[in-house]
Amino acid sequence: MRTLGLVLAAWIGFAGVASAATAPEPSWEKIKDTDDGIVVFSREVPGSSVMAFKGNGVVDAPIAKVASALFDPARAKEWVLNLEETRRV
C-alpha cells in the first residue's frame, strides 16, 4: 500500500509547481477530512496564483493503478476540484 500523499507530491513535482528558493514556504492548512480517511491540505505558492495541495491517506491499490488515474486527462474531473476542461498542449 502506498500513501496518496506520495503520489500527489510526485505529481506536483512533475507538474513543475515549486516555490522560490529564497522565500519561506507557507505552512499547510487542513481543508478537508474525508469519510474514507483522506486528509487534504493546501497552501499558497509564493510568487504564483497556483495553490498547492496534498492529500494524506492510505490507498489500497497498486501504485501503477493510482498513477494511471492521476495522469489520465480524461479522468481528471474525478479528483481535481472545480476542473472545467483538460487538454494536451
N, C-alpha and C. Protein backbone atom coordinates (compact mmCIF):
# COMPACT_ATOMS: atom_id res chain seq x y z
N MET A 1 0.84 -1.18 0.00
CA MET A 1 0.00 0.00 0.00
C MET A 1 0.89 1.24 0.00
N ARG A 2 0.47 2.21 -0.72
CA ARG A 2 1.21 3.46 -0.81
C ARG A 2 0.32 4.59 -0.31
N THR A 3 0.94 5.65 0.09
CA THR A 3 0.12 6.77 0.54
C THR A 3 -0.20 7.68 -0.63
N LEU A 4 -1.40 8.22 -0.59
CA LEU A 4 -1.82 9.16 -1.61
C LEU A 4 -0.93 10.39 -1.58
N GLY A 5 -0.43 10.73 -0.40
CA GLY A 5 0.46 11.89 -0.27
C GLY A 5 1.69 11.76 -1.14
N LEU A 6 2.28 10.58 -1.21
CA LEU A 6 3.45 10.37 -2.06
C LEU A 6 3.11 10.57 -3.52
N VAL A 7 1.98 10.04 -3.94
CA VAL A 7 1.58 10.17 -5.33
C VAL A 7 1.32 11.62 -5.68
N LEU A 8 0.59 12.32 -4.84
CA LEU A 8 0.30 13.73 -5.11
C LEU A 8 1.55 14.58 -5.08
N ALA A 9 2.45 14.30 -4.15
CA ALA A 9 3.70 15.05 -4.09
C ALA A 9 4.50 14.84 -5.36
N ALA A 10 4.54 13.62 -5.85
CA ALA A 10 5.25 13.34 -7.10
C ALA A 10 4.58 14.06 -8.26
N TRP A 11 3.26 14.02 -8.30
CA TRP A 11 2.54 14.68 -9.38
C TRP A 11 2.80 16.18 -9.38
N ILE A 12 2.76 16.79 -8.22
CA ILE A 12 3.02 18.22 -8.12
C ILE A 12 4.44 18.52 -8.58
N GLY A 13 5.39 17.68 -8.18
CA GLY A 13 6.77 17.87 -8.63
C GLY A 13 6.89 17.78 -10.13
N PHE A 14 6.24 16.78 -10.74
CA PHE A 14 6.29 16.62 -12.19
C PHE A 14 5.61 17.78 -12.90
N ALA A 15 4.60 18.34 -12.29
CA ALA A 15 3.88 19.45 -12.91
C ALA A 15 4.69 20.74 -12.85
N GLY A 16 5.75 20.75 -12.09
CA GLY A 16 6.62 21.91 -12.05
C GLY A 16 6.20 22.98 -11.06
N VAL A 17 5.38 22.62 -10.11
CA VAL A 17 4.97 23.60 -9.10
C VAL A 17 6.06 23.64 -8.03
N ALA A 18 6.73 24.77 -7.94
CA ALA A 18 7.81 24.89 -6.95
C ALA A 18 7.83 26.32 -6.41
N SER A 19 8.26 26.48 -5.20
CA SER A 19 8.36 27.82 -4.62
C SER A 19 9.77 28.36 -4.83
N ALA A 20 9.90 29.67 -4.69
CA ALA A 20 11.21 30.30 -4.83
C ALA A 20 12.13 29.81 -3.72
N ALA A 21 13.40 29.62 -4.04
CA ALA A 21 14.35 29.05 -3.09
C ALA A 21 14.59 29.97 -1.89
N THR A 22 14.48 31.27 -2.09
CA THR A 22 14.78 32.20 -1.01
C THR A 22 13.57 32.53 -0.15
N ALA A 23 12.37 32.29 -0.66
CA ALA A 23 11.17 32.64 0.10
C ALA A 23 10.81 31.53 1.08
N PRO A 24 10.44 31.90 2.31
CA PRO A 24 10.00 30.86 3.25
C PRO A 24 8.68 30.26 2.77
N GLU A 25 8.54 28.96 2.93
CA GLU A 25 7.32 28.29 2.49
C GLU A 25 6.21 28.48 3.51
N PRO A 26 5.01 28.81 3.04
CA PRO A 26 3.88 28.91 3.97
C PRO A 26 3.52 27.52 4.50
N SER A 27 2.91 27.49 5.65
CA SER A 27 2.56 26.19 6.23
C SER A 27 1.28 25.66 5.59
N TRP A 28 1.12 24.35 5.67
CA TRP A 28 -0.04 23.68 5.09
C TRP A 28 -1.26 23.92 5.97
N GLU A 29 -2.41 24.18 5.35
CA GLU A 29 -3.68 24.37 6.05
C GLU A 29 -4.60 23.20 5.73
N LYS A 30 -5.09 22.55 6.77
CA LYS A 30 -6.02 21.43 6.58
C LYS A 30 -7.34 21.97 6.06
N ILE A 31 -7.80 21.45 4.90
CA ILE A 31 -9.04 21.95 4.33
C ILE A 31 -10.16 20.92 4.29
N LYS A 32 -9.81 19.63 4.44
CA LYS A 32 -10.87 18.61 4.40
C LYS A 32 -10.39 17.31 5.01
N ASP A 33 -11.31 16.66 5.70
CA ASP A 33 -11.14 15.32 6.25
C ASP A 33 -12.24 14.47 5.63
N THR A 34 -11.90 13.55 4.74
CA THR A 34 -12.94 12.79 4.04
C THR A 34 -13.41 11.59 4.87
N ASP A 35 -14.55 11.06 4.49
CA ASP A 35 -15.11 9.89 5.17
C ASP A 35 -14.26 8.64 4.98
N ASP A 36 -13.48 8.61 3.89
CA ASP A 36 -12.67 7.42 3.63
C ASP A 36 -11.22 7.56 4.09
N GLY A 37 -10.96 8.52 4.98
CA GLY A 37 -9.65 8.60 5.62
C GLY A 37 -8.60 9.45 4.94
N ILE A 38 -8.97 10.23 3.93
CA ILE A 38 -8.01 11.11 3.26
C ILE A 38 -8.10 12.49 3.92
N VAL A 39 -6.95 13.05 4.26
CA VAL A 39 -6.87 14.40 4.82
C VAL A 39 -6.24 15.28 3.75
N VAL A 40 -6.93 16.37 3.38
CA VAL A 40 -6.49 17.25 2.31
C VAL A 40 -5.99 18.56 2.90
N PHE A 41 -4.85 19.03 2.38
CA PHE A 41 -4.22 20.28 2.82
C PHE A 41 -3.97 21.17 1.61
N SER A 42 -3.89 22.48 1.83
CA SER A 42 -3.50 23.40 0.76
C SER A 42 -2.61 24.49 1.35
N ARG A 43 -1.93 25.18 0.45
CA ARG A 43 -1.13 26.35 0.83
C ARG A 43 -0.85 27.17 -0.41
N GLU A 44 -0.51 28.43 -0.20
CA GLU A 44 -0.15 29.31 -1.30
C GLU A 44 1.25 28.97 -1.78
N VAL A 45 1.50 29.23 -3.06
CA VAL A 45 2.83 29.08 -3.63
C VAL A 45 3.36 30.50 -3.84
N PRO A 46 4.40 30.90 -3.11
CA PRO A 46 4.92 32.26 -3.24
C PRO A 46 5.24 32.61 -4.70
N GLY A 47 4.77 33.78 -5.13
CA GLY A 47 5.05 34.25 -6.49
C GLY A 47 4.17 33.61 -7.55
N SER A 48 3.11 32.92 -7.16
CA SER A 48 2.26 32.23 -8.13
C SER A 48 0.80 32.35 -7.71
N SER A 49 -0.09 32.29 -8.70
CA SER A 49 -1.52 32.27 -8.39
C SER A 49 -2.02 30.84 -8.18
N VAL A 50 -1.12 29.86 -8.33
CA VAL A 50 -1.46 28.45 -8.16
C VAL A 50 -1.44 28.08 -6.68
N MET A 51 -2.47 27.36 -6.26
CA MET A 51 -2.49 26.83 -4.90
C MET A 51 -1.93 25.41 -4.93
N ALA A 52 -1.04 25.12 -4.01
CA ALA A 52 -0.51 23.76 -3.87
C ALA A 52 -1.48 22.97 -2.99
N PHE A 53 -1.55 21.69 -3.21
CA PHE A 53 -2.37 20.84 -2.36
C PHE A 53 -1.69 19.51 -2.15
N LYS A 54 -2.08 18.84 -1.08
CA LYS A 54 -1.60 17.48 -0.85
C LYS A 54 -2.69 16.73 -0.10
N GLY A 55 -2.68 15.45 -0.27
CA GLY A 55 -3.61 14.60 0.45
C GLY A 55 -2.84 13.48 1.12
N ASN A 56 -3.18 13.19 2.33
CA ASN A 56 -2.54 12.09 3.07
C ASN A 56 -3.59 11.04 3.38
N GLY A 57 -3.22 9.80 3.13
CA GLY A 57 -4.12 8.70 3.41
C GLY A 57 -3.56 7.42 2.81
N VAL A 58 -4.24 6.34 3.05
CA VAL A 58 -3.82 5.04 2.53
C VAL A 58 -4.76 4.66 1.39
N VAL A 59 -4.17 4.30 0.26
CA VAL A 59 -4.93 3.83 -0.89
C VAL A 59 -4.63 2.35 -1.06
N ASP A 60 -5.65 1.54 -0.97
CA ASP A 60 -5.48 0.09 -1.08
C ASP A 60 -5.56 -0.32 -2.55
N ALA A 61 -4.53 0.06 -3.31
CA ALA A 61 -4.46 -0.26 -4.73
C ALA A 61 -3.00 -0.21 -5.16
N PRO A 62 -2.67 -0.91 -6.24
CA PRO A 62 -1.29 -0.84 -6.75
C PRO A 62 -0.96 0.59 -7.19
N ILE A 63 0.27 1.00 -6.96
CA ILE A 63 0.69 2.36 -7.30
C ILE A 63 0.50 2.66 -8.78
N ALA A 64 0.69 1.68 -9.65
CA ALA A 64 0.51 1.89 -11.09
C ALA A 64 -0.94 2.25 -11.42
N LYS A 65 -1.88 1.63 -10.73
CA LYS A 65 -3.30 1.92 -10.97
C LYS A 65 -3.65 3.33 -10.49
N VAL A 66 -3.13 3.71 -9.35
CA VAL A 66 -3.37 5.06 -8.82
C VAL A 66 -2.76 6.10 -9.75
N ALA A 67 -1.52 5.88 -10.17
CA ALA A 67 -0.84 6.81 -11.07
C ALA A 67 -1.58 6.94 -12.39
N SER A 68 -2.10 5.83 -12.92
CA SER A 68 -2.80 5.90 -14.20
C SER A 68 -4.04 6.79 -14.09
N ALA A 69 -4.71 6.77 -12.96
CA ALA A 69 -5.87 7.65 -12.77
C ALA A 69 -5.44 9.10 -12.66
N LEU A 70 -4.34 9.36 -11.97
CA LEU A 70 -3.87 10.73 -11.78
C LEU A 70 -3.34 11.35 -13.07
N PHE A 71 -2.72 10.55 -13.92
CA PHE A 71 -2.10 11.07 -15.14
C PHE A 71 -2.98 10.97 -16.37
N ASP A 72 -4.20 10.49 -16.23
CA ASP A 72 -5.13 10.36 -17.35
C ASP A 72 -6.01 11.61 -17.43
N PRO A 73 -5.79 12.48 -18.44
CA PRO A 73 -6.58 13.71 -18.53
C PRO A 73 -8.09 13.47 -18.57
N ALA A 74 -8.52 12.36 -19.16
CA ALA A 74 -9.95 12.07 -19.25
C ALA A 74 -10.57 11.82 -17.87
N ARG A 75 -9.76 11.42 -16.89
CA ARG A 75 -10.27 11.13 -15.54
C ARG A 75 -10.01 12.25 -14.55
N ALA A 76 -9.40 13.33 -14.99
CA ALA A 76 -9.00 14.41 -14.07
C ALA A 76 -10.18 15.01 -13.31
N LYS A 77 -11.34 15.09 -13.95
CA LYS A 77 -12.51 15.67 -13.26
C LYS A 77 -12.94 14.85 -12.05
N GLU A 78 -12.51 13.60 -11.99
CA GLU A 78 -12.84 12.75 -10.84
C GLU A 78 -12.14 13.20 -9.56
N TRP A 79 -11.01 13.90 -9.69
CA TRP A 79 -10.25 14.23 -8.49
C TRP A 79 -9.71 15.65 -8.45
N VAL A 80 -9.89 16.47 -9.50
CA VAL A 80 -9.42 17.86 -9.50
C VAL A 80 -10.62 18.76 -9.23
N LEU A 81 -10.61 19.42 -8.09
CA LEU A 81 -11.71 20.28 -7.66
C LEU A 81 -11.94 21.41 -8.67
N ASN A 82 -13.17 21.63 -9.06
CA ASN A 82 -13.60 22.73 -9.94
C ASN A 82 -12.97 22.70 -11.33
N LEU A 83 -12.48 21.58 -11.77
CA LEU A 83 -11.89 21.47 -13.10
C LEU A 83 -12.98 21.56 -14.15
N GLU A 84 -12.78 22.43 -15.14
CA GLU A 84 -13.75 22.57 -16.22
C GLU A 84 -13.30 21.88 -17.50
N GLU A 85 -11.99 21.85 -17.76
CA GLU A 85 -11.51 21.32 -19.03
C GLU A 85 -10.06 20.86 -18.89
N THR A 86 -9.72 19.81 -19.62
CA THR A 86 -8.32 19.40 -19.74
C THR A 86 -8.01 19.25 -21.22
N ARG A 87 -6.77 19.57 -21.59
CA ARG A 87 -6.31 19.34 -22.96
C ARG A 87 -4.79 19.31 -22.99
N ARG A 88 -4.27 18.56 -23.93
CA ARG A 88 -2.82 18.48 -24.10
C ARG A 88 -2.35 19.62 -24.99
N VAL A 89 -1.22 20.20 -24.64
CA VAL A 89 -0.62 21.26 -25.47
C VAL A 89 0.78 20.86 -25.88
